[in-house]
Amino acid sequence: MRRKVETEVIVSSDIPAQLLRYCPDLAQWPAKWAYDDPDLVVGERIVQYFTPFLLDLLEQKLAPKTLRKHRDNMWLLGGEVIRQRYESAATAKKSIDALIHEMVEEDGGPFMLPRVSEDEQESFDATCRKYYRFLHPK
């Protein structure tokens, strides 16, 4: 069970305006993912790590529905990173970069827990495949 995490209002002045319109709650993602206070710093690193990809999606001029799908799936991926770090001491010792590269593979992302529908997992995997290609350009 998650406990209430003490948070401060995060100023999002260094997040581009276009990204704020696409992800208006981006600065709050770390608090939404957090199990404990130390997760906030990790969550902020995850957001920093995701930001170039989210900006790249915007530059692709994708349909609004597609952008929302990818945004929502990236939010799910961040939560899964925190969950896996929380459940495994060995995983918690890994850098965010190493963990994301381990979790996001050419054929998709990790299985979502709690289990989601097959369609939701496929949508998530499609975003993770796109993110994998972003992280590993040819």
N, C-alpha and C. Protein backbone atom coordinates (compact mmCIF):
# COMPACT_ATOMS: atom_id res chain seq x y z
N MET A 1 0.84 -1.18 0.00
CA MET A 1 0.00 0.00 0.00
C MET A 1 0.88 1.24 0.00
N ARG A 2 0.54 2.18 -0.85
CA ARG A 2 1.30 3.41 -0.90
C ARG A 2 0.94 4.29 0.27
N ARG A 3 1.95 4.99 0.77
CA ARG A 3 1.67 5.93 1.84
C ARG A 3 1.65 7.33 1.24
N LYS A 4 1.07 8.26 1.95
CA LYS A 4 1.02 9.64 1.47
C LYS A 4 2.44 10.19 1.44
N VAL A 5 2.81 10.75 0.31
CA VAL A 5 4.15 11.31 0.14
C VAL A 5 4.06 12.82 0.26
N GLU A 6 4.91 13.37 1.07
CA GLU A 6 4.96 14.82 1.22
C GLU A 6 5.60 15.41 -0.04
N THR A 7 4.91 16.33 -0.66
CA THR A 7 5.43 16.91 -1.89
C THR A 7 5.40 18.43 -1.82
N GLU A 8 6.26 19.02 -2.58
CA GLU A 8 6.25 20.45 -2.77
C GLU A 8 5.72 20.73 -4.16
N VAL A 9 5.22 21.91 -4.38
CA VAL A 9 4.80 22.29 -5.71
C VAL A 9 6.05 22.39 -6.58
N ILE A 10 6.06 21.66 -7.67
CA ILE A 10 7.21 21.66 -8.56
C ILE A 10 6.98 22.73 -9.62
N VAL A 11 7.89 23.65 -9.74
CA VAL A 11 7.79 24.68 -10.75
C VAL A 11 8.26 24.09 -12.07
N SER A 12 7.47 24.23 -13.08
CA SER A 12 7.80 23.62 -14.36
C SER A 12 8.27 24.65 -15.38
N SER A 13 9.01 25.65 -14.93
CA SER A 13 9.46 26.72 -15.82
C SER A 13 10.47 26.26 -16.85
N ASP A 14 11.16 25.14 -16.57
CA ASP A 14 12.14 24.67 -17.54
C ASP A 14 11.56 23.63 -18.50
N ILE A 15 10.26 23.39 -18.43
CA ILE A 15 9.59 22.49 -19.36
C ILE A 15 8.98 23.35 -20.47
N PRO A 16 9.29 23.04 -21.73
CA PRO A 16 8.76 23.85 -22.84
C PRO A 16 7.22 23.92 -22.81
N ALA A 17 6.69 25.06 -23.22
CA ALA A 17 5.25 25.30 -23.18
C ALA A 17 4.48 24.25 -23.98
N GLN A 18 5.01 23.87 -25.12
CA GLN A 18 4.34 22.86 -25.95
C GLN A 18 4.20 21.53 -25.20
N LEU A 19 5.24 21.17 -24.46
CA LEU A 19 5.20 19.94 -23.68
C LEU A 19 4.22 20.06 -22.52
N LEU A 20 4.12 21.24 -21.93
CA LEU A 20 3.17 21.45 -20.84
C LEU A 20 1.72 21.33 -21.32
N ARG A 21 1.47 21.73 -22.55
CA ARG A 21 0.11 21.57 -23.10
C ARG A 21 -0.19 20.09 -23.33
N TYR A 22 0.81 19.34 -23.77
CA TYR A 22 0.68 17.92 -24.06
C TYR A 22 0.62 17.10 -22.77
N CYS A 23 1.43 17.47 -21.80
CA CYS A 23 1.51 16.78 -20.50
C CYS A 23 1.37 17.80 -19.39
N PRO A 24 0.16 18.32 -19.16
CA PRO A 24 0.01 19.39 -18.18
C PRO A 24 0.39 19.00 -16.76
N ASP A 25 0.36 17.72 -16.46
CA ASP A 25 0.70 17.27 -15.10
C ASP A 25 2.08 16.62 -15.03
N LEU A 26 2.93 16.86 -16.02
CA LEU A 26 4.25 16.23 -16.08
C LEU A 26 5.05 16.46 -14.80
N ALA A 27 5.00 17.64 -14.26
CA ALA A 27 5.75 17.94 -13.04
C ALA A 27 5.21 17.17 -11.82
N GLN A 28 3.99 16.69 -11.91
CA GLN A 28 3.41 15.93 -10.80
C GLN A 28 3.59 14.42 -10.95
N TRP A 29 4.09 13.97 -12.09
CA TRP A 29 4.28 12.53 -12.29
C TRP A 29 5.10 11.90 -11.17
N PRO A 30 6.23 12.49 -10.76
CA PRO A 30 7.01 11.85 -9.69
C PRO A 30 6.20 11.62 -8.42
N ALA A 31 5.38 12.57 -8.03
CA ALA A 31 4.57 12.40 -6.82
C ALA A 31 3.49 11.34 -7.01
N LYS A 32 2.95 11.25 -8.20
CA LYS A 32 1.92 10.24 -8.48
C LYS A 32 2.50 8.83 -8.49
N TRP A 33 3.76 8.69 -8.89
CA TRP A 33 4.42 7.38 -8.92
C TRP A 33 4.94 6.95 -7.56
N ALA A 34 5.25 7.90 -6.69
CA ALA A 34 6.03 7.65 -5.48
C ALA A 34 5.33 6.75 -4.47
N TYR A 35 6.10 5.83 -3.91
CA TYR A 35 5.68 5.03 -2.76
C TYR A 35 6.13 5.74 -1.49
N ASP A 36 7.36 6.27 -1.52
CA ASP A 36 7.98 6.94 -0.38
C ASP A 36 8.67 8.22 -0.89
N ASP A 37 9.04 9.08 0.05
CA ASP A 37 9.68 10.33 -0.32
C ASP A 37 10.91 10.19 -1.21
N PRO A 38 11.80 9.21 -0.98
CA PRO A 38 12.97 9.09 -1.87
C PRO A 38 12.61 8.83 -3.33
N ASP A 39 11.41 8.30 -3.57
CA ASP A 39 10.98 8.05 -4.95
C ASP A 39 10.78 9.34 -5.74
N LEU A 40 10.58 10.46 -5.04
CA LEU A 40 10.37 11.73 -5.73
C LEU A 40 11.58 12.11 -6.57
N VAL A 41 12.77 11.97 -6.01
CA VAL A 41 14.00 12.32 -6.74
C VAL A 41 14.16 11.38 -7.93
N VAL A 42 13.91 10.10 -7.71
CA VAL A 42 14.00 9.12 -8.80
C VAL A 42 12.97 9.46 -9.88
N GLY A 43 11.76 9.78 -9.47
CA GLY A 43 10.71 10.15 -10.41
C GLY A 43 11.08 11.37 -11.24
N GLU A 44 11.71 12.35 -10.60
CA GLU A 44 12.15 13.54 -11.33
C GLU A 44 13.21 13.17 -12.38
N ARG A 45 14.09 12.25 -12.03
CA ARG A 45 15.09 11.79 -13.01
C ARG A 45 14.42 11.06 -14.17
N ILE A 46 13.40 10.27 -13.86
CA ILE A 46 12.67 9.57 -14.93
C ILE A 46 12.02 10.58 -15.87
N VAL A 47 11.38 11.60 -15.31
CA VAL A 47 10.76 12.63 -16.14
C VAL A 47 11.82 13.30 -17.02
N GLN A 48 12.97 13.62 -16.45
CA GLN A 48 14.05 14.22 -17.25
C GLN A 48 14.49 13.28 -18.36
N TYR A 49 14.51 12.00 -18.06
CA TYR A 49 14.93 11.00 -19.04
C TYR A 49 13.88 10.85 -20.15
N PHE A 50 12.60 10.95 -19.80
CA PHE A 50 11.51 10.82 -20.77
C PHE A 50 11.30 12.07 -21.61
N THR A 51 11.66 13.23 -21.11
CA THR A 51 11.34 14.49 -21.77
C THR A 51 11.80 14.58 -23.22
N PRO A 52 13.03 14.20 -23.57
CA PRO A 52 13.41 14.29 -24.98
C PRO A 52 12.52 13.44 -25.90
N PHE A 53 12.11 12.28 -25.42
CA PHE A 53 11.22 11.43 -26.21
C PHE A 53 9.84 12.07 -26.35
N LEU A 54 9.31 12.61 -25.27
CA LEU A 54 8.01 13.27 -25.34
C LEU A 54 8.05 14.45 -26.31
N LEU A 55 9.14 15.21 -26.29
CA LEU A 55 9.30 16.32 -27.23
C LEU A 55 9.40 15.80 -28.66
N ASP A 56 10.12 14.70 -28.85
CA ASP A 56 10.25 14.11 -30.18
C ASP A 56 8.88 13.67 -30.71
N LEU A 57 8.05 13.12 -29.85
CA LEU A 57 6.70 12.74 -30.28
C LEU A 57 5.93 13.95 -30.79
N LEU A 58 6.06 15.06 -30.08
CA LEU A 58 5.37 16.29 -30.50
C LEU A 58 5.87 16.76 -31.86
N GLU A 59 7.16 16.65 -32.10
CA GLU A 59 7.74 17.09 -33.37
C GLU A 59 7.27 16.23 -34.54
N GLN A 60 6.81 15.02 -34.26
CA GLN A 60 6.37 14.12 -35.32
C GLN A 60 4.98 14.47 -35.84
N LYS A 61 4.32 15.42 -35.20
CA LYS A 61 2.99 15.87 -35.62
C LYS A 61 1.99 14.72 -35.69
N LEU A 62 2.01 13.86 -34.67
CA LEU A 62 1.09 12.75 -34.58
C LEU A 62 -0.32 13.24 -34.24
N ALA A 63 -1.29 12.43 -34.52
CA ALA A 63 -2.68 12.76 -34.18
C ALA A 63 -2.80 12.93 -32.67
N PRO A 64 -3.67 13.83 -32.23
CA PRO A 64 -3.84 14.04 -30.78
C PRO A 64 -4.13 12.76 -30.00
N LYS A 65 -4.95 11.88 -30.55
CA LYS A 65 -5.28 10.63 -29.86
C LYS A 65 -4.02 9.76 -29.71
N THR A 66 -3.19 9.72 -30.74
CA THR A 66 -1.95 8.95 -30.69
C THR A 66 -0.99 9.55 -29.67
N LEU A 67 -0.89 10.87 -29.66
CA LEU A 67 -0.03 11.53 -28.68
C LEU A 67 -0.47 11.21 -27.26
N ARG A 68 -1.77 11.26 -27.02
CA ARG A 68 -2.29 10.95 -25.67
C ARG A 68 -1.99 9.51 -25.29
N LYS A 69 -2.11 8.60 -26.25
CA LYS A 69 -1.82 7.19 -25.98
C LYS A 69 -0.36 7.02 -25.56
N HIS A 70 0.55 7.63 -26.32
CA HIS A 70 1.97 7.52 -25.99
C HIS A 70 2.28 8.21 -24.65
N ARG A 71 1.69 9.36 -24.41
CA ARG A 71 1.89 10.06 -23.14
C ARG A 71 1.44 9.19 -21.97
N ASP A 72 0.25 8.64 -22.10
CA ASP A 72 -0.29 7.82 -21.02
C ASP A 72 0.56 6.57 -20.80
N ASN A 73 1.05 5.99 -21.87
CA ASN A 73 1.89 4.79 -21.75
C ASN A 73 3.25 5.13 -21.15
N MET A 74 3.78 6.30 -21.42
CA MET A 74 5.05 6.70 -20.79
C MET A 74 4.82 6.92 -19.30
N TRP A 75 3.67 7.45 -18.94
CA TRP A 75 3.34 7.60 -17.52
C TRP A 75 3.31 6.22 -16.86
N LEU A 76 2.71 5.24 -17.54
CA LEU A 76 2.67 3.88 -17.01
C LEU A 76 4.08 3.30 -16.88
N LEU A 77 4.94 3.56 -17.86
CA LEU A 77 6.31 3.05 -17.81
C LEU A 77 7.05 3.64 -16.61
N GLY A 78 6.89 4.93 -16.37
CA GLY A 78 7.53 5.54 -15.20
C GLY A 78 7.07 4.91 -13.90
N GLY A 79 5.78 4.65 -13.81
CA GLY A 79 5.25 3.99 -12.62
C GLY A 79 5.80 2.58 -12.46
N GLU A 80 5.98 1.90 -13.57
CA GLU A 80 6.52 0.54 -13.53
C GLU A 80 8.00 0.57 -13.11
N VAL A 81 8.75 1.57 -13.56
CA VAL A 81 10.14 1.71 -13.13
C VAL A 81 10.20 1.87 -11.61
N ILE A 82 9.36 2.75 -11.08
CA ILE A 82 9.33 2.97 -9.62
C ILE A 82 8.90 1.69 -8.91
N ARG A 83 7.87 1.02 -9.42
CA ARG A 83 7.39 -0.21 -8.78
C ARG A 83 8.49 -1.27 -8.72
N GLN A 84 9.19 -1.45 -9.84
CA GLN A 84 10.24 -2.47 -9.85
C GLN A 84 11.39 -2.10 -8.93
N ARG A 85 11.73 -0.82 -8.85
CA ARG A 85 12.79 -0.38 -7.93
C ARG A 85 12.35 -0.61 -6.48
N TYR A 86 11.08 -0.40 -6.22
CA TYR A 86 10.54 -0.55 -4.87
C TYR A 86 10.54 -2.01 -4.42
N GLU A 87 10.31 -2.91 -5.37
CA GLU A 87 10.17 -4.33 -5.03
C GLU A 87 11.48 -5.11 -5.04
N SER A 88 12.55 -4.52 -5.57
CA SER A 88 13.81 -5.26 -5.65
C SER A 88 14.98 -4.37 -5.27
N ALA A 89 15.71 -4.78 -4.23
CA ALA A 89 16.88 -4.00 -3.79
C ALA A 89 17.94 -3.96 -4.89
N ALA A 90 18.11 -5.05 -5.61
CA ALA A 90 19.10 -5.09 -6.69
C ALA A 90 18.72 -4.11 -7.81
N THR A 91 17.44 -4.07 -8.13
CA THR A 91 16.96 -3.15 -9.16
C THR A 91 17.10 -1.71 -8.70
N ALA A 92 16.84 -1.46 -7.43
CA ALA A 92 16.91 -0.10 -6.89
C ALA A 92 18.32 0.48 -6.97
N LYS A 93 19.32 -0.37 -7.03
CA LYS A 93 20.70 0.10 -7.11
C LYS A 93 21.11 0.51 -8.51
N LYS A 94 20.32 0.14 -9.50
CA LYS A 94 20.66 0.46 -10.90
C LYS A 94 20.32 1.91 -11.21
N SER A 95 21.07 2.48 -12.15
CA SER A 95 20.77 3.84 -12.59
C SER A 95 19.46 3.82 -13.39
N ILE A 96 18.82 4.96 -13.47
CA ILE A 96 17.59 5.07 -14.25
C ILE A 96 17.86 4.69 -15.70
N ASP A 97 18.97 5.18 -16.24
CA ASP A 97 19.36 4.87 -17.61
C ASP A 97 19.46 3.36 -17.82
N ALA A 98 20.20 2.68 -16.95
CA ALA A 98 20.39 1.24 -17.07
C ALA A 98 19.06 0.49 -16.92
N LEU A 99 18.25 0.90 -15.98
CA LEU A 99 17.00 0.21 -15.73
C LEU A 99 16.04 0.36 -16.90
N ILE A 100 15.93 1.56 -17.43
CA ILE A 100 15.03 1.77 -18.57
C ILE A 100 15.52 0.99 -19.79
N HIS A 101 16.83 1.00 -20.03
CA HIS A 101 17.36 0.23 -21.15
C HIS A 101 17.13 -1.27 -20.97
N GLU A 102 17.08 -1.70 -19.74
CA GLU A 102 16.82 -3.11 -19.43
C GLU A 102 15.34 -3.45 -19.60
N MET A 103 14.48 -2.52 -19.25
CA MET A 103 13.04 -2.77 -19.28
C MET A 103 12.42 -2.59 -20.66
N VAL A 104 12.94 -1.64 -21.43
CA VAL A 104 12.37 -1.32 -22.74
C VAL A 104 13.19 -2.05 -23.79
N GLU A 105 12.52 -2.98 -24.47
CA GLU A 105 13.21 -3.81 -25.44
C GLU A 105 12.66 -3.57 -26.84
N GLU A 106 13.34 -4.12 -27.81
CA GLU A 106 12.95 -3.95 -29.20
C GLU A 106 11.52 -4.43 -29.46
N ASP A 107 11.08 -5.45 -28.72
CA ASP A 107 9.74 -5.99 -28.94
C ASP A 107 8.70 -5.47 -27.94
N GLY A 108 9.06 -4.53 -27.10
CA GLY A 108 8.09 -3.92 -26.20
C GLY A 108 8.63 -3.66 -24.81
N GLY A 109 7.72 -3.49 -23.90
CA GLY A 109 8.10 -3.17 -22.53
C GLY A 109 7.80 -4.30 -21.58
N PRO A 110 7.93 -4.04 -20.30
CA PRO A 110 7.66 -5.07 -19.30
C PRO A 110 6.16 -5.38 -19.24
N PHE A 111 5.83 -6.57 -18.73
CA PHE A 111 4.43 -6.88 -18.50
C PHE A 111 3.94 -6.00 -17.37
N MET A 112 2.79 -5.38 -17.59
CA MET A 112 2.25 -4.46 -16.60
C MET A 112 1.64 -5.24 -15.44
N LEU A 113 1.91 -4.73 -14.24
CA LEU A 113 1.33 -5.29 -13.03
C LEU A 113 0.64 -4.16 -12.27
N PRO A 114 -0.58 -4.32 -11.80
CA PRO A 114 -1.36 -5.52 -12.00
C PRO A 114 -1.68 -5.71 -13.47
N ARG A 115 -2.00 -6.94 -13.83
CA ARG A 115 -2.23 -7.28 -15.22
C ARG A 115 -3.26 -6.35 -15.86
N VAL A 116 -3.02 -6.02 -17.09
CA VAL A 116 -3.94 -5.20 -17.87
C VAL A 116 -4.48 -6.06 -19.01
N SER A 117 -5.44 -5.55 -19.74
CA SER A 117 -6.00 -6.31 -20.86
C SER A 117 -4.93 -6.48 -21.94
N GLU A 118 -5.18 -7.42 -22.83
CA GLU A 118 -4.26 -7.67 -23.93
C GLU A 118 -4.11 -6.42 -24.80
N ASP A 119 -5.21 -5.72 -25.06
CA ASP A 119 -5.16 -4.50 -25.87
C ASP A 119 -4.33 -3.41 -25.19
N GLU A 120 -4.51 -3.27 -23.87
CA GLU A 120 -3.74 -2.26 -23.13
C GLU A 120 -2.25 -2.61 -23.12
N GLN A 121 -1.93 -3.89 -22.97
CA GLN A 121 -0.52 -4.31 -22.99
C GLN A 121 0.07 -4.07 -24.38
N GLU A 122 -0.69 -4.34 -25.43
CA GLU A 122 -0.19 -4.12 -26.79
C GLU A 122 0.04 -2.63 -27.05
N SER A 123 -0.86 -1.79 -26.57
CA SER A 123 -0.67 -0.35 -26.71
C SER A 123 0.60 0.10 -25.98
N PHE A 124 0.76 -0.39 -24.76
CA PHE A 124 1.95 -0.08 -23.98
C PHE A 124 3.21 -0.56 -24.70
N ASP A 125 3.17 -1.79 -25.22
CA ASP A 125 4.33 -2.33 -25.94
C ASP A 125 4.64 -1.51 -27.19
N ALA A 126 3.62 -1.03 -27.87
CA ALA A 126 3.85 -0.21 -29.08
C ALA A 126 4.60 1.07 -28.71
N THR A 127 4.22 1.69 -27.61
CA THR A 127 4.92 2.89 -27.14
C THR A 127 6.35 2.53 -26.75
N CYS A 128 6.53 1.42 -26.05
CA CYS A 128 7.88 1.01 -25.64
C CYS A 128 8.75 0.70 -26.85
N ARG A 129 8.17 0.09 -27.89
CA ARG A 129 8.96 -0.16 -29.12
C ARG A 129 9.40 1.16 -29.74
N LYS A 130 8.50 2.11 -29.77
CA LYS A 130 8.82 3.44 -30.32
C LYS A 130 9.90 4.11 -29.47
N TYR A 131 9.79 3.98 -28.16
CA TYR A 131 10.79 4.54 -27.26
C TYR A 131 12.13 3.83 -27.44
N TYR A 132 12.10 2.52 -27.63
CA TYR A 132 13.33 1.76 -27.87
C TYR A 132 14.04 2.30 -29.12
N ARG A 133 13.28 2.52 -30.19
CA ARG A 133 13.88 3.05 -31.43
C ARG A 133 14.46 4.45 -31.21
N PHE A 134 13.80 5.22 -30.34
CA PHE A 134 14.33 6.55 -30.01
C PHE A 134 15.64 6.43 -29.25
N LEU A 135 15.70 5.49 -28.31
CA LEU A 135 16.91 5.31 -27.50
C LEU A 135 18.06 4.67 -28.28
N HIS A 136 17.73 3.93 -29.32
CA HIS A 136 18.73 3.20 -30.11
C HIS A 136 18.60 3.55 -31.58
N PRO A 137 18.89 4.79 -31.97
CA PRO A 137 18.76 5.15 -33.38
C PRO A 137 19.76 4.38 -34.24
N LYS A 138 19.35 4.09 -35.45
CA LYS A 138 20.24 3.34 -36.36
C LYS A 138 21.14 4.27 -37.10
